[in-house]
Protein backbone atom coordinates (compact mmCIF):
# COMPACT_ATOMS: atom_id res chain seq x y z
CA UNK A 1 -38.73 3.54 6.98
CA UNK A 2 -37.19 5.55 9.83
CA UNK A 3 -34.51 2.85 10.29
CA UNK A 4 -33.70 3.03 6.54
CA UNK A 5 -33.32 6.82 6.64
CA UNK A 6 -31.16 6.63 9.77
CA UNK A 7 -28.99 3.87 8.25
CA UNK A 8 -28.57 5.81 4.99
CA UNK A 9 -27.68 8.94 6.95
CA UNK A 10 -25.02 7.05 8.91
CA UNK A 11 -23.62 5.49 5.75
CA UNK A 12 -23.41 8.88 4.07
CA UNK A 13 -21.60 10.38 7.08
CA UNK A 14 -19.21 7.43 7.26
CA UNK A 15 -18.63 7.52 3.51
CA UNK A 16 -17.85 11.21 3.38
CA UNK A 17 -15.55 11.20 6.40
CA UNK A 18 -12.80 9.35 4.54
CA UNK A 19 -13.45 9.52 0.83
CA UNK A 20 -11.31 12.25 -0.68
CA UNK A 21 -7.92 10.58 -1.08
CA UNK A 22 -7.10 8.94 -4.43
CA UNK A 23 -4.05 7.10 -5.76
CA UNK A 24 -2.55 6.58 -9.19
CA UNK A 25 0.18 4.09 -10.12
CA UNK A 26 3.12 4.99 -12.37
CA UNK A 27 6.45 3.53 -13.46
CA UNK A 28 4.93 0.79 -15.62
CA UNK A 29 2.51 -0.46 -12.94
CA UNK A 30 -1.08 -0.57 -14.21
CA UNK A 31 -2.93 -2.40 -11.43
CA UNK A 32 -3.54 -5.40 -13.67
CA UNK A 33 -0.15 -7.11 -14.06
CA UNK A 34 3.04 -6.78 -12.05
CA UNK A 35 5.65 -5.37 -14.46
CA UNK A 36 8.45 -7.65 -15.61
CA UNK A 37 11.38 -7.57 -13.18
CA UNK A 38 9.29 -6.30 -10.26
CA UNK A 39 8.97 -9.73 -8.68
CA UNK A 40 11.20 -10.98 -5.86
CA UNK A 41 14.78 -12.21 -6.37
CA UNK A 42 13.73 -15.84 -5.83
CA UNK A 43 11.87 -15.57 -9.14
CA UNK A 44 14.48 -13.62 -11.10
CA UNK A 45 13.42 -10.06 -10.27
CA UNK A 46 14.69 -7.16 -8.24
CA UNK A 47 11.35 -5.62 -7.28
CA UNK A 48 10.59 -2.27 -5.72
CA UNK A 49 7.36 -0.78 -4.45
CA UNK A 50 5.22 0.71 -7.22
CA UNK A 51 5.60 4.48 -7.50
CA UNK A 52 2.31 6.22 -6.77
CA UNK A 53 0.81 9.68 -6.66
CA UNK A 54 -1.61 10.18 -3.78
CA UNK A 55 -3.96 13.16 -4.14
CA UNK A 56 -6.41 14.64 -1.67
CA UNK A 57 -4.10 14.05 1.27
CA UNK A 58 -5.84 15.64 4.27
CA UNK A 59 -4.40 18.57 6.21
CA UNK A 60 -2.44 17.40 9.22
CA UNK A 61 -1.18 14.19 7.62
CA UNK A 62 2.55 13.62 8.12
CA UNK A 63 2.84 10.07 6.71
CA UNK A 64 1.25 7.99 4.01
CA UNK A 65 1.60 4.46 5.34
CA UNK A 66 1.44 1.73 2.69
CA UNK A 67 0.42 -1.78 3.76
CA UNK A 68 1.38 -4.21 0.97
CA UNK A 69 -0.56 -7.49 0.74
CA UNK A 70 -0.92 -10.66 -1.34
CA UNK A 71 -4.70 -11.22 -1.32
CA UNK A 72 -4.26 -14.73 -2.75
CA UNK A 73 -2.03 -16.01 0.05
CA UNK A 74 -3.76 -16.02 3.44
CA UNK A 75 -0.77 -15.51 5.78
CA UNK A 76 0.33 -12.36 3.90
CA UNK A 77 -3.10 -11.16 2.75
CA UNK A 78 -3.71 -8.29 5.21
CA UNK A 79 -2.18 -5.77 7.59
CA UNK A 80 0.98 -5.37 5.52
CA UNK A 81 1.87 -9.02 5.03
CA UNK A 82 4.36 -7.97 2.34
CA UNK A 83 5.63 -5.07 4.46
CA UNK A 84 4.48 -1.70 5.74
CA UNK A 85 6.34 1.35 4.45
CA UNK A 86 5.87 4.95 5.61
CA UNK A 87 6.36 7.83 3.17
CA UNK A 88 6.60 11.44 4.40
CA UNK A 89 3.76 13.68 3.24
CA UNK A 90 4.86 16.53 0.99
CA UNK A 91 1.52 18.27 0.50
CA UNK A 92 -2.04 17.60 -0.63
CA UNK A 93 -0.54 15.69 -3.56
CA UNK A 94 2.31 13.45 -2.49
CA UNK A 95 4.43 11.26 -4.73
CA UNK A 96 5.46 7.95 -3.20
CA UNK A 97 8.70 6.93 -4.92
CA UNK A 98 9.65 3.35 -5.69
CA UNK A 99 11.73 1.99 -2.83
CA UNK A 100 13.75 -1.22 -3.05
CA UNK A 101 12.38 -4.51 -1.85
CA UNK A 102 14.19 -6.77 0.61
CA UNK A 103 15.86 -3.80 2.31
CA UNK A 104 15.48 -1.62 5.40
CA UNK A 105 17.61 1.08 3.74
CA UNK A 106 15.12 3.32 1.96
CA UNK A 107 15.63 6.65 0.12
CA UNK A 108 13.73 9.93 0.34
CA UNK A 109 12.76 9.78 4.01
CA UNK A 110 10.73 6.59 3.54
CA UNK A 111 11.04 4.06 6.33
CA UNK A 112 10.02 0.54 7.19
CA UNK A 113 7.19 0.62 9.72
CA UNK A 114 6.92 -3.19 9.72
CA UNK A 115 8.95 -5.73 7.76
CA UNK A 116 7.15 -8.33 5.66
CA UNK A 117 5.87 -11.27 7.69
CA UNK A 118 7.53 -13.75 5.33
CA UNK A 119 10.19 -16.16 6.58
CA UNK A 120 12.96 -18.49 5.41
CA UNK A 121 14.10 -17.81 1.84
CA UNK A 122 11.29 -15.25 1.58
CA UNK A 123 12.33 -13.21 4.64
CA UNK A 124 12.65 -9.47 4.01
CA UNK A 125 13.88 -6.57 6.13
CA UNK A 126 11.20 -4.38 4.54
CA UNK A 127 8.95 -4.74 1.49
CA UNK A 128 8.70 -8.22 -0.07
CA UNK A 129 8.11 -7.84 -3.83
CA UNK A 130 5.52 -10.14 -5.45
CA UNK A 131 6.86 -13.64 -4.94
CA UNK A 132 4.16 -16.13 -5.96
CA UNK A 133 6.12 -17.58 -8.88
CA UNK A 134 3.73 -16.19 -11.48
CA UNK A 135 0.63 -18.06 -10.30
CA UNK A 136 -1.62 -15.02 -10.79
CA UNK A 137 -1.76 -13.92 -7.16
CA UNK A 138 -3.48 -10.55 -6.57
CA UNK A 139 -1.30 -7.89 -4.94
CA UNK A 140 -2.82 -4.82 -3.27
CA UNK A 141 -1.88 -1.91 -1.05
CA UNK A 142 -3.83 -0.13 1.68
CA UNK A 143 -2.82 3.54 1.97
CA UNK A 144 -3.43 5.45 5.19
CA UNK A 145 -2.85 9.15 5.80
CA UNK A 146 -1.60 9.41 9.39
CA UNK A 147 -1.21 12.51 11.57
CA UNK A 148 1.62 13.06 14.09
CA UNK A 149 -0.34 11.25 16.83
CA UNK A 150 -0.90 8.17 14.65
CA UNK A 151 -4.56 8.91 13.92
CA UNK A 152 -5.81 7.75 10.51
CA UNK A 153 -7.19 10.79 8.68
CA UNK A 154 -8.12 9.05 5.43
CA UNK A 155 -7.47 5.72 3.75
CA UNK A 156 -7.72 3.75 0.53
CA UNK A 157 -8.11 -0.01 0.94
CA UNK A 158 -7.48 -2.94 -1.41
CA UNK A 159 -5.93 -0.76 -4.13
CA UNK A 160 -4.83 -3.21 -6.85
CA UNK A 161 -1.18 -2.99 -7.83
CA UNK A 162 -1.18 -6.08 -10.07
CA UNK A 163 -1.26 -9.85 -10.45
CA UNK A 164 1.80 -12.06 -10.60
């Protein structure tokens, strides 16, 4: 019984340490289906990152770093396989604008922290839009609030942006 109480106490502390940040998609993204035209150029689109509103951003955060992933395709399924983009924090509620895929030139102070790990025809200088050819792959983003030293202050993991 003591072990159970100690374990629950640790879980509660761990759960409350990073649990205040929330995200909401906009711009036609609903988390269920990738909007028409938001796929990669190889499949007839001209995709951009989904615009999002992140609320509950902790004090001291200077970047929201977005790690885009294709959970259905192992090589690009984690750690920003589809690219890692940093967005400057603009307050406790920060809007992350849509930024173009396949480019290192990003507006609004956003920057590429790590290009997509794709190669060949799928190579991208930044974010690789959904590019599975419409096979129903599940696309997600991990959002991390980072302070000026690079410390993660809060995070949201496996946030669904849609299937394509």
